[in-house]
Amino acid sequence: MLSRLLKEHQAKQNERKELQEKRRREAIAAATCLTEALVDHLNVGVAQAYVNQRKLDHEVKTLQVQASQFSKQTAQWISMVEGFNQALKEIGDVENWARSIEMDMRTIATALEYVHKGHLQSTCS
């Protein structure tokens, strides 16, 4: 009877050990699945961040090229405006020169007219 009780006890202990081992394996499998799910979730975020970073790098390069082109175009515009301003100054200088010449010519014409009238009066008298 004692040996039968011992065998039953050992059988129950073996059952408990097997059940405990089964539960341990299930717990390990569940933990592994959870870990993989967490890593996959993190990898999706990391992959998305990597894709976004590549897009940003491409946009930065494009922006740098466009900024360089804009800078060159702006420099050309500034050069054209400066040339236009210089041309306007030269036109102003020519206008002033023309006025000066016109005034000189009027003075000369007035002087010639005066001399001519004086000459006519002296010949008539």
PDB file of N, CA and C in Angstrom:
ATOM      1  N   MET A   1       0.814  -1.183   0.000  1.00  0.00           N
ATOM      2  CA  MET A   1       0.000   0.000   0.000  1.00  0.00           C
ATOM      3  C   MET A   1       0.868   1.260   0.000  1.00  0.00           C
ATOM      4  N   LEU A   2       1.869   1.258   0.760  1.00  0.00           N
ATOM      5  CA  LEU A   2       2.785   2.382   0.827  1.00  0.00           C
ATOM      6  C   LEU A   2       3.483   2.574  -0.532  1.00  0.00           C
ATOM      7  N   SER A   3       3.846   1.512  -1.165  1.00  0.00           N
ATOM      8  CA  SER A   3       4.505   1.628  -2.455  1.00  0.00           C
ATOM      9  C   SER A   3       3.525   2.151  -3.506  1.00  0.00           C
ATOM     10  N   ARG A   4       2.257   1.757  -3.372  1.00  0.00           N
ATOM     11  CA  ARG A   4       1.250   2.262  -4.279  1.00  0.00           C
ATOM     12  C   ARG A   4       1.042   3.742  -4.057  1.00  0.00           C
ATOM     13  N   LEU A   5       1.006   4.191  -2.858  1.00  0.00           N
ATOM     14  CA  LEU A   5       0.883   5.621  -2.541  1.00  0.00           C
ATOM     15  C   LEU A   5       2.099   6.383  -3.054  1.00  0.00           C
ATOM     16  N   LEU A   6       3.252   5.783  -2.908  1.00  0.00           N
ATOM     17  CA  LEU A   6       4.482   6.407  -3.398  1.00  0.00           C
ATOM     18  C   LEU A   6       4.445   6.535  -4.922  1.00  0.00           C
ATOM     19  N   LYS A   7       3.974   5.484  -5.592  1.00  0.00           N
ATOM     20  CA  LYS A   7       3.882   5.516  -7.046  1.00  0.00           C
ATOM     21  C   LYS A   7       2.858   6.554  -7.492  1.00  0.00           C
ATOM     22  N   GLU A   8       1.735   6.631  -6.799  1.00  0.00           N
ATOM     23  CA  GLU A   8       0.721   7.622  -7.142  1.00  0.00           C
ATOM     24  C   GLU A   8       1.263   9.038  -6.934  1.00  0.00           C
ATOM     25  N   HIS A   9       1.986   9.203  -5.840  1.00  0.00           N
ATOM     26  CA  HIS A   9       2.583  10.510  -5.546  1.00  0.00           C
ATOM     27  C   HIS A   9       3.584  10.901  -6.638  1.00  0.00           C
ATOM     28  N   GLN A  10       4.431   9.927  -6.996  1.00  0.00           N
ATOM     29  CA  GLN A  10       5.416  10.191  -8.040  1.00  0.00           C
ATOM     30  C   GLN A  10       4.738  10.463  -9.389  1.00  0.00           C
ATOM     31  N   ALA A  11       3.648   9.754  -9.666  1.00  0.00           N
ATOM     32  CA  ALA A  11       2.913   9.952 -10.908  1.00  0.00           C
ATOM     33  C   ALA A  11       2.305  11.357 -10.928  1.00  0.00           C
ATOM     34  N   LYS A  12       1.722  11.784  -9.797  1.00  0.00           N
ATOM     35  CA  LYS A  12       1.148  13.118  -9.714  1.00  0.00           C
ATOM     36  C   LYS A  12       2.239  14.191  -9.858  1.00  0.00           C
ATOM     37  N   GLN A  13       3.387  13.924  -9.232  1.00  0.00           N
ATOM     38  CA  GLN A  13       4.501  14.865  -9.346  1.00  0.00           C
ATOM     39  C   GLN A  13       4.979  14.955 -10.792  1.00  0.00           C
ATOM     40  N   ASN A  14       5.063  13.818 -11.466  1.00  0.00           N
ATOM     41  CA  ASN A  14       5.468  13.814 -12.878  1.00  0.00           C
ATOM     42  C   ASN A  14       4.457  14.584 -13.733  1.00  0.00           C
ATOM     43  N   GLU A  15       3.158  14.376 -13.424  1.00  0.00           N
ATOM     44  CA  GLU A  15       2.115  15.104 -14.151  1.00  0.00           C
ATOM     45  C   GLU A  15       2.265  16.617 -13.928  1.00  0.00           C
ATOM     46  N   ARG A  16       2.508  16.970 -12.655  1.00  0.00           N
ATOM     47  CA  ARG A  16       2.685  18.386 -12.331  1.00  0.00           C
ATOM     48  C   ARG A  16       3.924  18.958 -13.043  1.00  0.00           C
ATOM     49  N   LYS A  17       5.008  18.195 -13.051  1.00  0.00           N
ATOM     50  CA  LYS A  17       6.222  18.637 -13.727  1.00  0.00           C
ATOM     51  C   LYS A  17       5.969  18.799 -15.222  1.00  0.00           C
ATOM     52  N   GLU A  18       5.262  17.833 -15.818  1.00  0.00           N
ATOM     53  CA  GLU A  18       4.954  17.916 -17.239  1.00  0.00           C
ATOM     54  C   GLU A  18       4.059  19.128 -17.528  1.00  0.00           C
ATOM     55  N   LEU A  19       3.056  19.309 -16.658  1.00  0.00           N
ATOM     56  CA  LEU A  19       2.165  20.457 -16.818  1.00  0.00           C
ATOM     57  C   LEU A  19       2.943  21.761 -16.655  1.00  0.00           C
ATOM     58  N   GLN A  20       3.813  21.782 -15.664  1.00  0.00           N
ATOM     59  CA  GLN A  20       4.636  22.977 -15.435  1.00  0.00           C
ATOM     60  C   GLN A  20       5.576  23.221 -16.612  1.00  0.00           C
ATOM     61  N   GLU A  21       6.169  22.154 -17.153  1.00  0.00           N
ATOM     62  CA  GLU A  21       7.053  22.272 -18.308  1.00  0.00           C
ATOM     63  C   GLU A  21       6.276  22.763 -19.532  1.00  0.00           C
ATOM     64  N   LYS A  22       5.058  22.228 -19.704  1.00  0.00           N
ATOM     65  CA  LYS A  22       4.213  22.648 -20.814  1.00  0.00           C
ATOM     66  C   LYS A  22       3.883  24.135 -20.678  1.00  0.00           C
ATOM     67  N   ARG A  23       3.508  24.548 -19.490  1.00  0.00           N
ATOM     68  CA  ARG A  23       3.191  25.961 -19.246  1.00  0.00           C
ATOM     69  C   ARG A  23       4.425  26.855 -19.463  1.00  0.00           C
ATOM     70  N   ARG A  24       5.603  26.350 -19.050  1.00  0.00           N
ATOM     71  CA  ARG A  24       6.839  27.101 -19.233  1.00  0.00           C
ATOM     72  C   ARG A  24       7.120  27.294 -20.724  1.00  0.00           C
ATOM     73  N   ARG A  25       6.962  26.218 -21.518  1.00  0.00           N
ATOM     74  CA  ARG A  25       7.160  26.313 -22.964  1.00  0.00           C
ATOM     75  C   ARG A  25       6.146  27.281 -23.592  1.00  0.00           C
ATOM     76  N   GLU A  26       4.903  27.220 -23.142  1.00  0.00           N
ATOM     77  CA  GLU A  26       3.883  28.138 -23.663  1.00  0.00           C
ATOM     78  C   GLU A  26       4.223  29.588 -23.303  1.00  0.00           C
ATOM     79  N   ALA A  27       4.701  29.770 -22.054  1.00  0.00           N
ATOM     80  CA  ALA A  27       5.085  31.116 -21.630  1.00  0.00           C
ATOM     81  C   ALA A  27       6.263  31.622 -22.459  1.00  0.00           C
ATOM     82  N   ILE A  28       7.236  30.752 -22.728  1.00  0.00           N
ATOM     83  CA  ILE A  28       8.386  31.138 -23.548  1.00  0.00           C
ATOM     84  C   ILE A  28       7.927  31.474 -24.962  1.00  0.00           C
ATOM     85  N   ALA A  29       7.038  30.649 -25.515  1.00  0.00           N
ATOM     86  CA  ALA A  29       6.534  30.896 -26.863  1.00  0.00           C
ATOM     87  C   ALA A  29       5.758  32.218 -26.907  1.00  0.00           C
ATOM     88  N   ALA A  30       4.931  32.472 -25.888  1.00  0.00           N
ATOM     89  CA  ALA A  30       4.166  33.721 -25.840  1.00  0.00           C
ATOM     90  C   ALA A  30       5.107  34.926 -25.698  1.00  0.00           C
ATOM     91  N   ALA A  31       6.129  34.791 -24.861  1.00  0.00           N
ATOM     92  CA  ALA A  31       7.093  35.882 -24.688  1.00  0.00           C
ATOM     93  C   ALA A  31       7.857  36.136 -25.987  1.00  0.00           C
ATOM     94  N   THR A  32       8.213  35.045 -26.688  1.00  0.00           N
ATOM     95  CA  THR A  32       8.903  35.180 -27.970  1.00  0.00           C
ATOM     96  C   THR A  32       8.012  35.897 -28.986  1.00  0.00           C
ATOM     97  N   CYS A  33       6.732  35.496 -29.041  1.00  0.00           N
ATOM     98  CA  CYS A  33       5.793  36.155 -29.966  1.00  0.00           C
ATOM     99  C   CYS A  33       5.639  37.631 -29.611  1.00  0.00           C
ATOM    100  N   LEU A  34       5.538  37.928 -28.326  1.00  0.00           N
ATOM    101  CA  LEU A  34       5.407  39.317 -27.886  1.00  0.00           C
ATOM    102  C   LEU A  34       6.650  40.116 -28.261  1.00  0.00           C
ATOM    103  N   THR A  35       7.805  39.546 -28.023  1.00  0.00           N
ATOM    104  CA  THR A  35       9.056  40.223 -28.355  1.00  0.00           C
ATOM    105  C   THR A  35       9.152  40.483 -29.857  1.00  0.00           C
ATOM    106  N   GLU A  36       8.812  39.486 -30.648  1.00  0.00           N
ATOM    107  CA  GLU A  36       8.851  39.657 -32.103  1.00  0.00           C
ATOM    108  C   GLU A  36       7.863  40.728 -32.547  1.00  0.00           C
ATOM    109  N   ALA A  37       6.674  40.729 -31.954  1.00  0.00           N
ATOM    110  CA  ALA A  37       5.672  41.740 -32.310  1.00  0.00           C
ATOM    111  C   ALA A  37       6.165  43.140 -31.952  1.00  0.00           C
ATOM    112  N   LEU A  38       6.775  43.269 -30.769  1.00  0.00           N
ATOM    113  CA  LEU A  38       7.307  44.579 -30.365  1.00  0.00           C
ATOM    114  C   LEU A  38       8.439  45.031 -31.281  1.00  0.00           C
ATOM    115  N   VAL A  39       9.328  44.114 -31.613  1.00  0.00           N
ATOM    116  CA  VAL A  39      10.452  44.446 -32.493  1.00  0.00           C
ATOM    117  C   VAL A  39       9.930  44.821 -33.882  1.00  0.00           C
ATOM    118  N   ASP A  40       8.950  44.044 -34.381  1.00  0.00           N
ATOM    119  CA  ASP A  40       8.370  44.366 -35.680  1.00  0.00           C
ATOM    120  C   ASP A  40       7.722  45.751 -35.654  1.00  0.00           C
ATOM    121  N   HIS A  41       7.018  46.052 -34.577  1.00  0.00           N
ATOM    122  CA  HIS A  41       6.377  47.361 -34.448  1.00  0.00           C
ATOM    123  C   HIS A  41       7.429  48.477 -34.436  1.00  0.00           C
ATOM    124  N   LEU A  42       8.510  48.259 -33.696  1.00  0.00           N
ATOM    125  CA  LEU A  42       9.585  49.244 -33.657  1.00  0.00           C
ATOM    126  C   LEU A  42      10.275  49.355 -35.014  1.00  0.00           C
ATOM    127  N   ASN A  43      10.470  48.217 -35.683  1.00  0.00           N
ATOM    128  CA  ASN A  43      11.126  48.235 -36.990  1.00  0.00           C
ATOM    129  C   ASN A  43      10.308  49.008 -38.016  1.00  0.00           C
ATOM    130  N   VAL A  44       8.982  48.906 -37.917  1.00  0.00           N
ATOM    131  CA  VAL A  44       8.129  49.662 -38.837  1.00  0.00           C
ATOM    132  C   VAL A  44       8.369  51.153 -38.627  1.00  0.00           C
ATOM    133  N   GLY A  45       8.429  51.583 -37.366  1.00  0.00           N
ATOM    134  CA  GLY A  45       8.689  52.992 -37.071  1.00  0.00           C
ATOM    135  C   GLY A  45      10.064  53.427 -37.542  1.00  0.00           C
ATOM    136  N   VAL A  46      11.044  52.584 -37.310  1.00  0.00           N
ATOM    137  CA  VAL A  46      12.414  52.903 -37.739  1.00  0.00           C
ATOM    138  C   VAL A  46      12.489  52.948 -39.262  1.00  0.00           C
ATOM    139  N   ALA A  47      11.851  52.003 -39.913  1.00  0.00           N
ATOM    140  CA  ALA A  47      11.855  51.985 -41.376  1.00  0.00           C
ATOM    141  C   ALA A  47      11.172  53.238 -41.928  1.00  0.00           C
ATOM    142  N   GLN A  48      10.067  53.633 -41.314  1.00  0.00           N
ATOM    143  CA  GLN A  48       9.370  54.844 -41.756  1.00  0.00           C
ATOM    144  C   GLN A  48      10.254  56.074 -41.525  1.00  0.00           C
ATOM    145  N   ALA A  49      10.935  56.119 -40.387  1.00  0.00           N
ATOM    146  CA  ALA A  49      11.840  57.244 -40.113  1.00  0.00           C
ATOM    147  C   ALA A  49      12.974  57.278 -41.147  1.00  0.00           C
ATOM    148  N   TYR A  50      13.482  56.120 -41.523  1.00  0.00           N
ATOM    149  CA  TYR A  50      14.551  56.055 -42.527  1.00  0.00           C
ATOM    150  C   TYR A  50      14.058  56.559 -43.876  1.00  0.00           C
ATOM    151  N   VAL A  51      12.857  56.122 -44.269  1.00  0.00           N
ATOM    152  CA  VAL A  51      12.276  56.574 -45.541  1.00  0.00           C
ATOM    153  C   VAL A  51      12.076  58.090 -45.506  1.00  0.00           C
ATOM    154  N   ASN A  52      11.544  58.593 -44.391  1.00  0.00           N
ATOM    155  CA  ASN A  52      11.333  60.036 -44.254  1.00  0.00           C
ATOM    156  C   ASN A  52      12.654  60.794 -44.328  1.00  0.00           C
ATOM    157  N   GLN A  53      13.700  60.255 -43.697  1.00  0.00           N
ATOM    158  CA  GLN A  53      15.008  60.892 -43.717  1.00  0.00           C
ATOM    159  C   GLN A  53      15.556  60.955 -45.146  1.00  0.00           C
ATOM    160  N   ARG A  54      15.385  59.888 -45.898  1.00  0.00           N
ATOM    161  CA  ARG A  54      15.845  59.885 -47.296  1.00  0.00           C
ATOM    162  C   ARG A  54      15.084  60.915 -48.111  1.00  0.00           C
ATOM    163  N   LYS A  55      13.775  61.011 -47.881  1.00  0.00           N
ATOM    164  CA  LYS A  55      12.977  62.017 -48.593  1.00  0.00           C
ATOM    165  C   LYS A  55      13.456  63.420 -48.230  1.00  0.00           C
ATOM    166  N   LEU A  56      13.708  63.641 -46.937  1.00  0.00           N
ATOM    167  CA  LEU A  56      14.191  64.950 -46.495  1.00  0.00           C
ATOM    168  C   LEU A  56      15.548  65.275 -47.123  1.00  0.00           C
ATOM    169  N   ASP A  57      16.441  64.303 -47.170  1.00  0.00           N
ATOM    170  CA  ASP A  57      17.749  64.519 -47.792  1.00  0.00           C
ATOM    171  C   ASP A  57      17.597  64.911 -49.261  1.00  0.00           C
ATOM    172  N   HIS A  58      16.701  64.215 -49.947  1.00  0.00           N
ATOM    173  CA  HIS A  58      16.457  64.538 -51.361  1.00  0.00           C
ATOM    174  C   HIS A  58      15.884  65.948 -51.496  1.00  0.00           C
ATOM    175  N   GLU A  59      14.945  66.301 -50.639  1.00  0.00           N
ATOM    176  CA  GLU A  59      14.342  67.637 -50.688  1.00  0.00           C
ATOM    177  C   GLU A  59      15.380  68.718 -50.370  1.00  0.00           C
ATOM    178  N   VAL A  60      16.278  68.438 -49.423  1.00  0.00           N
ATOM    179  CA  VAL A  60      17.323  69.404 -49.073  1.00  0.00           C
ATOM    180  C   VAL A  60      18.244  69.633 -50.272  1.00  0.00           C
ATOM    181  N   LYS A  61      18.634  68.552 -50.947  1.00  0.00           N
ATOM    182  CA  LYS A  61      19.497  68.692 -52.121  1.00  0.00           C
ATOM    183  C   LYS A  61      18.791  69.505 -53.206  1.00  0.00           C
ATOM    184  N   THR A  62      17.526  69.204 -53.431  1.00  0.00           N
ATOM    185  CA  THR A  62      16.750  69.947 -54.437  1.00  0.00           C
ATOM    186  C   THR A  62      16.670  71.414 -54.057  1.00  0.00           C
ATOM    187  N   LEU A  63      16.405  71.676 -52.790  1.00  0.00           N
ATOM    188  CA  LEU A  63      16.298  73.055 -52.315  1.00  0.00           C
ATOM    189  C   LEU A  63      17.633  73.790 -52.468  1.00  0.00           C
ATOM    190  N   GLN A  64      18.740  73.105 -52.196  1.00  0.00           N
ATOM    191  CA  GLN A  64      20.050  73.730 -52.350  1.00  0.00           C
ATOM    192  C   GLN A  64      20.300  74.101 -53.812  1.00  0.00           C
ATOM    193  N   VAL A  65      19.945  73.209 -54.728  1.00  0.00           N
ATOM    194  CA  VAL A  65      20.134  73.496 -56.156  1.00  0.00           C
ATOM    195  C   VAL A  65      19.268  74.689 -56.559  1.00  0.00           C
ATOM    196  N   GLN A  66      18.010  74.689 -56.112  1.00  0.00           N
ATOM    197  CA  GLN A  66      17.110  75.786 -56.464  1.00  0.00           C
ATOM    198  C   GLN A  66      17.581  77.104 -55.849  1.00  0.00           C
ATOM    199  N   ALA A  67      18.071  77.049 -54.626  1.00  0.00           N
ATOM    200  CA  ALA A  67      18.575  78.266 -53.979  1.00  0.00           C
ATOM    201  C   ALA A  67      19.791  78.806 -54.731  1.00  0.00           C
ATOM    202  N   SER A  68      20.645  77.916 -55.179  1.00  0.00           N
ATOM    203  CA  SER A  68      21.819  78.336 -55.955  1.00  0.00           C
ATOM    204  C   SER A  68      21.389  78.983 -57.273  1.00  0.00           C
ATOM    205  N   GLN A  69      20.431  78.365 -57.945  1.00  0.00           N
ATOM    206  CA  GLN A  69      19.925  78.932 -59.198  1.00  0.00           C
ATOM    207  C   GLN A  69      19.274  80.290 -58.942  1.00  0.00           C
ATOM    208  N   PHE A  70      18.514  80.393 -57.879  1.00  0.00           N
ATOM    209  CA  PHE A  70      17.865  81.658 -57.540  1.00  0.00           C
ATOM    210  C   PHE A  70      18.898  82.734 -57.244  1.00  0.00           C
ATOM    211  N   SER A  71      19.953  82.352 -56.547  1.00  0.00           N
ATOM    212  CA  SER A  71      21.018  83.300 -56.235  1.00  0.00           C
ATOM    213  C   SER A  71      21.683  83.809 -57.515  1.00  0.00           C
ATOM    214  N   LYS A  72      21.968  82.902 -58.447  1.00  0.00           N
ATOM    215  CA  LYS A  72      22.577  83.311 -59.720  1.00  0.00           C
ATOM    216  C   LYS A  72      21.627  84.229 -60.496  1.00  0.00           C
ATOM    217  N   GLN A  73      20.359  83.868 -60.526  1.00  0.00           N
ATOM    218  CA  GLN A  73      19.380  84.674 -61.257  1.00  0.00           C
ATOM    219  C   GLN A  73      19.248  86.051 -60.608  1.00  0.00           C
ATOM    220  N   THR A  74      19.248  86.096 -59.287  1.00  0.00           N
ATOM    221  CA  THR A  74      19.166  87.366 -58.582  1.00  0.00           C
ATOM    222  C   THR A  74      20.385  88.232 -58.886  1.00  0.00           C
ATOM    223  N   ALA A  75      21.550  87.615 -58.927  1.00  0.00           N
ATOM    224  CA  ALA A  75      22.770  88.366 -59.262  1.00  0.00           C
ATOM    225  C   ALA A  75      22.666  88.942 -60.680  1.00  0.00           C
ATOM    226  N   GLN A  76      22.107  88.168 -61.603  1.00  0.00           N
ATOM    227  CA  GLN A  76      21.924  88.669 -62.969  1.00  0.00           C
ATOM    228  C   GLN A  76      20.947  89.846 -62.977  1.00  0.00           C
ATOM    229  N   TRP A  77      19.856  89.727 -62.219  1.00  0.00           N
ATOM    230  CA  TRP A  77      18.872  90.817 -62.148  1.00  0.00           C
ATOM    231  C   TRP A  77      19.512  92.080 -61.574  1.00  0.00           C
ATOM    232  N   ILE A  78      20.289  91.897 -60.523  1.00  0.00           N
ATOM    233  CA  ILE A  78      20.959  93.056 -59.906  1.00  0.00           C
ATOM    234  C   ILE A  78      21.893  93.708 -60.916  1.00  0.00           C
ATOM    235  N   SER A  79      22.626  92.896 -61.656  1.00  0.00           N
ATOM    236  CA  SER A  79      23.527  93.426 -62.680  1.00  0.00           C
ATOM    237  C   SER A  79      22.755  94.190 -63.747  1.00  0.00           C
ATOM    238  N   MET A  80      21.625  93.635 -64.173  1.00  0.00           N
ATOM    239  CA  MET A  80      20.805  94.309 -65.177  1.00  0.00           C
ATOM    240  C   MET A  80      20.257  95.632 -64.643  1.00  0.00           C
ATOM    241  N   VAL A  81      19.806  95.640 -63.394  1.00  0.00           N
ATOM    242  CA  VAL A  81      19.263  96.869 -62.796  1.00  0.00           C
ATOM    243  C   VAL A  81      20.365  97.918 -62.672  1.00  0.00           C
ATOM    244  N   GLU A  82      21.557  97.492 -62.260  1.00  0.00           N
ATOM    245  CA  GLU A  82      22.671  98.427 -62.152  1.00  0.00           C
ATOM    246  C   GLU A  82      23.026  98.997 -63.524  1.00  0.00           C
ATOM    247  N   GLY A  83      23.005  98.167 -64.562  1.00  0.00           N
ATOM    248  CA  GLY A  83      23.250  98.641 -65.920  1.00  0.00           C
ATOM    249  C   GLY A  83      22.182  99.634 -66.356  1.00  0.00           C
ATOM    250  N   PHE A  84      20.939  99.333 -66.027  1.00  0.00           N
ATOM    251  CA  PHE A  84      19.834 100.230 -66.361  1.00  0.00           C
ATOM    252  C   PHE A  84      19.994 101.567 -65.643  1.00  0.00           C
ATOM    253  N   ASN A  85      20.354 101.516 -64.366  1.00  0.00           N
ATOM    254  CA  ASN A  85      20.583 102.750 -63.603  1.00  0.00           C
ATOM    255  C   ASN A  85      21.721 103.565 -64.213  1.00  0.00           C
ATOM    256  N   GLN A  86      22.781 102.881 -64.618  1.00  0.00           N
ATOM    257  CA  GLN A  86      23.908 103.573 -65.246  1.00  0.00           C
ATOM    258  C   GLN A  86      23.468 104.231 -66.550  1.00  0.00           C
ATOM    259  N   ALA A  87      22.647 103.506 -67.328  1.00  0.00           N
ATOM    260  CA  ALA A  87      22.146 104.068 -68.590  1.00  0.00           C
ATOM    261  C   ALA A  87      21.278 105.291 -68.313  1.00  0.00           C
ATOM    262  N   LEU A  88      20.445 105.217 -67.258  1.00  0.00           N
ATOM    263  CA  LEU A  88      19.620 106.376 -66.907  1.00  0.00           C
ATOM    264  C   LEU A  88      20.488 107.563 -66.500  1.00  0.00           C
ATOM    265  N   LYS A  89      21.549 107.299 -65.763  1.00  0.00           N
ATOM    266  CA  LYS A  89      22.463 108.372 -65.364  1.00  0.00           C
ATOM    267  C   LYS A  89      23.110 108.995 -66.603  1.00  0.00           C
ATOM    268  N   GLU A  90      23.502 108.132 -67.538  1.00  0.00           N
ATOM    269  CA  GLU A  90      24.123 108.645 -68.760  1.00  0.00           C
ATOM    270  C   GLU A  90      23.130 109.473 -69.561  1.00  0.00           C
ATOM    271  N   ILE A  91      21.874 109.025 -69.607  1.00  0.00           N
ATOM    272  CA  ILE A  91      20.843 109.805 -70.302  1.00  0.00           C
ATOM    273  C   ILE A  91      20.680 111.153 -69.617  1.00  0.00           C
ATOM    274  N   GLY A  92      20.674 111.128 -68.278  1.00  0.00           N
ATOM    275  CA  GLY A  92      20.595 112.385 -67.529  1.00  0.00           C
ATOM    276  C   GLY A  92      21.775 113.275 -67.828  1.00  0.00           C
ATOM    277  N   ASP A  93      22.984 112.683 -67.924  1.00  0.00           N
ATOM    278  CA  ASP A  93      24.184 113.456 -68.257  1.00  0.00           C
ATOM    279  C   ASP A  93      24.068 114.041 -69.661  1.00  0.00           C
ATOM    280  N   VAL A  94      23.563 113.253 -70.601  1.00  0.00           N
ATOM    281  CA  VAL A  94      23.392 113.732 -71.976  1.00  0.00           C
ATOM    282  C   VAL A  94      22.361 114.853 -72.002  1.00  0.00           C
ATOM    283  N   GLU A  95      21.291 114.681 -71.231  1.00  0.00           N
ATOM    284  CA  GLU A  95      20.253 115.719 -71.181  1.00  0.00           C
ATOM    285  C   GLU A  95      20.838 117.024 -70.637  1.00  0.00           C
ATOM    286  N   ASN A  96      21.601 116.925 -69.568  1.00  0.00           N
ATOM    287  CA  ASN A  96      22.245 118.119 -69.014  1.00  0.00           C
ATOM    288  C   ASN A  96      23.213 118.734 -70.016  1.00  0.00           C
ATOM    289  N   TRP A  97      23.972 117.880 -70.691  1.00  0.00           N
ATOM    290  CA  TRP A  97      24.909 118.360 -71.706  1.00  0.00           C
ATOM    291  C   TRP A  97      24.156 119.075 -72.828  1.00  0.00           C
ATOM    292  N   ALA A  98      23.017 118.477 -73.251  1.00  0.00           N
ATOM    293  CA  ALA A  98      22.225 119.075 -74.318  1.00  0.00           C
ATOM    294  C   ALA A  98      21.658 120.424 -73.871  1.00  0.00           C
ATOM    295  N   ARG A  99      21.212 120.514 -72.650  1.00  0.00           N
ATOM    296  CA  ARG A  99      20.712 121.793 -72.131  1.00  0.00           C
ATOM    297  C   ARG A  99      21.820 122.841 -72.125  1.00  0.00           C
ATOM    298  N   SER A 100      22.974 122.400 -71.682  1.00  0.00           N
ATOM    299  CA  SER A 100      24.113 123.321 -71.640  1.00  0.00           C
ATOM    300  C   SER A 100      24.463 123.812 -73.045  1.00  0.00           C
ATOM    301  N   ILE A 101      24.510 122.896 -73.998  1.00  0.00           N
ATOM    302  CA  ILE A 101      24.797 123.263 -75.382  1.00  0.00           C
ATOM    303  C   ILE A 101      23.705 124.205 -75.899  1.00  0.00           C
ATOM    304  N   GLU A 102      22.442 123.887 -75.587  1.00  0.00           N
ATOM    305  CA  GLU A 102      21.322 124.717 -76.033  1.00  0.00           C
ATOM    306  C   GLU A 102      21.447 126.136 -75.473  1.00  0.00           C
ATOM    307  N   MET A 103      21.792 126.217 -74.197  1.00  0.00           N
ATOM    308  CA  MET A 103      21.962 127.547 -73.585  1.00  0.00           C
ATOM    309  C   MET A 103      23.117 128.298 -74.253  1.00  0.00           C
ATOM    310  N   ASP A 104      24.215 127.582 -74.500  1.00  0.00           N
ATOM    311  CA  ASP A 104      25.353 128.220 -75.179  1.00  0.00           C
ATOM    312  C   ASP A 104      24.953 128.687 -76.576  1.00  0.00           C
ATOM    313  N   MET A 105      24.212 127.846 -77.289  1.00  0.00           N
ATOM    314  CA  MET A 105      23.783 128.204 -78.643  1.00  0.00           C
ATOM    315  C   MET A 105      22.836 129.404 -78.616  1.00  0.00           C
ATOM    316  N   ARG A 106      21.944 129.476 -77.653  1.00  0.00           N
ATOM    317  CA  ARG A 106      21.052 130.632 -77.530  1.00  0.00           C
ATOM    318  C   ARG A 106      21.854 131.904 -77.240  1.00  0.00           C
ATOM    319  N   THR A 107      22.846 131.733 -76.353  1.00  0.00           N
ATOM    320  CA  THR A 107      23.691 132.881 -76.039  1.00  0.00           C
ATOM    321  C   THR A 107      24.412 133.353 -77.289  1.00  0.00           C
ATOM    322  N   ILE A 108      24.983 132.403 -78.025  1.00  0.00           N
ATOM    323  CA  ILE A 108      25.684 132.745 -79.265  1.00  0.00           C
ATOM    324  C   ILE A 108      24.712 133.356 -80.266  1.00  0.00           C
ATOM    325  N   ALA A 109      23.514 132.757 -80.390  1.00  0.00           N
ATOM    326  CA  ALA A 109      22.524 133.285 -81.333  1.00  0.00           C
ATOM    327  C   ALA A 109      22.112 134.694 -80.940  1.00  0.00           C
ATOM    328  N   THR A 110      21.925 134.931 -79.666  1.00  0.00           N
ATOM    329  CA  THR A 110      21.552 136.264 -79.190  1.00  0.00           C
ATOM    330  C   THR A 110      22.678 137.241 -79.481  1.00  0.00           C
ATOM    331  N   ALA A 111      23.905 136.801 -79.220  1.00  0.00           N
ATOM    332  CA  ALA A 111      25.056 137.671 -79.481  1.00  0.00           C
ATOM    333  C   ALA A 111      25.173 137.968 -80.963  1.00  0.00           C
ATOM    334  N   LEU A 112      24.994 136.973 -81.804  1.00  0.00           N
ATOM    335  CA  LEU A 112      25.069 137.195 -83.257  1.00  0.00           C
ATOM    336  C   LEU A 112      23.945 138.108 -83.725  1.00  0.00           C
ATOM    337  N   GLU A 113      22.784 137.915 -83.162  1.00  0.00           N
ATOM    338  CA  GLU A 113      21.644 138.760 -83.506  1.00  0.00           C
ATOM    339  C   GLU A 113      21.913 140.197 -83.094  1.00  0.00           C
ATOM    340  N   TYR A 114      22.470 140.346 -81.921  1.00  0.00           N
ATOM    341  CA  TYR A 114      22.802 141.691 -81.423  1.00  0.00           C
ATOM    342  C   TYR A 114      23.852 142.339 -82.316  1.00  0.00           C
ATOM    343  N   VAL A 115      24.874 141.567 -82.678  1.00  0.00           N
ATOM    344  CA  VAL A 115      25.926 142.079 -83.543  1.00  0.00           C
ATOM    345  C   VAL A 115      25.346 142.407 -84.912  1.00  0.00           C
ATOM    346  N   HIS A 116      24.490 141.525 -85.411  1.00  0.00           N
ATOM    347  CA  HIS A 116      23.890 141.746 -86.714  1.00  0.00           C
ATOM    348  C   HIS A 116      23.034 143.010 -86.719  1.00  0.00           C
ATOM    349  N   LYS A 117      22.235 143.221 -85.655  1.00  0.00           N
ATOM    350  CA  LYS A 117      21.403 144.423 -85.555  1.00  0.00           C
ATOM    351  C   LYS A 117      22.287 145.649 -85.444  1.00  0.00           C
ATOM    352  N   GLY A 118      23.347 145.538 -84.674  1.00  0.00           N
ATOM    353  CA  GLY A 118      24.285 146.643 -84.536  1.00  0.00           C
ATOM    354  C   GLY A 118      24.952 146.952 -85.852  1.00  0.00           C
ATOM    355  N   HIS A 119      25.276 145.956 -86.592  1.00  0.00           N
ATOM    356  CA  HIS A 119      25.936 146.113 -87.878  1.00  0.00           C
ATOM    357  C   HIS A 119      24.969 146.757 -88.884  1.00  0.00           C
ATOM    358  N   LEU A 120      23.690 146.354 -88.809  1.00  0.00           N
ATOM    359  CA  LEU A 120      22.692 146.916 -89.701  1.00  0.00           C
ATOM    360  C   LEU A 120      22.452 148.386 -89.365  1.00  0.00           C
ATOM    361  N   GLN A 121      22.436 148.718 -88.130  1.00  0.00           N
ATOM    362  CA  GLN A 121      22.201 150.118 -87.711  1.00  0.00           C
ATOM    363  C   GLN A 121      23.382 150.991 -88.126  1.00  0.00           C
ATOM    364  N   SER A 122      24.573 150.477 -88.027  1.00  0.00           N
ATOM    365  CA  SER A 122      25.738 151.290 -88.396  1.00  0.00           C
ATOM    366  C   SER A 122      25.807 151.464 -89.914  1.00  0.00           C
ATOM    367  N   THR A 123      25.352 150.530 -90.699  1.00  0.00           N
ATOM    368  CA  THR A 123      25.380 150.688 -92.145  1.00  0.00           C
ATOM    369  C   THR A 123      24.236 151.574 -92.624  1.00  0.00           C
ATOM    370  N   CYS A 124      23.157 151.596 -91.911  1.00  0.00           N
ATOM    371  CA  CYS A 124      22.010 152.425 -92.275  1.00  0.00           C
ATOM    372  C   CYS A 124      22.294 153.873 -91.873  1.00  0.00           C
ATOM    373  N   SER A 125      23.078 154.143 -90.977  1.00  0.00           N
ATOM    374  CA  SER A 125      23.288 155.507 -90.509  1.00  0.00           C
ATOM    375  C   SER A 125      24.334 156.216 -91.232  1.00  0.00           C
TER     376      SER A 125
END
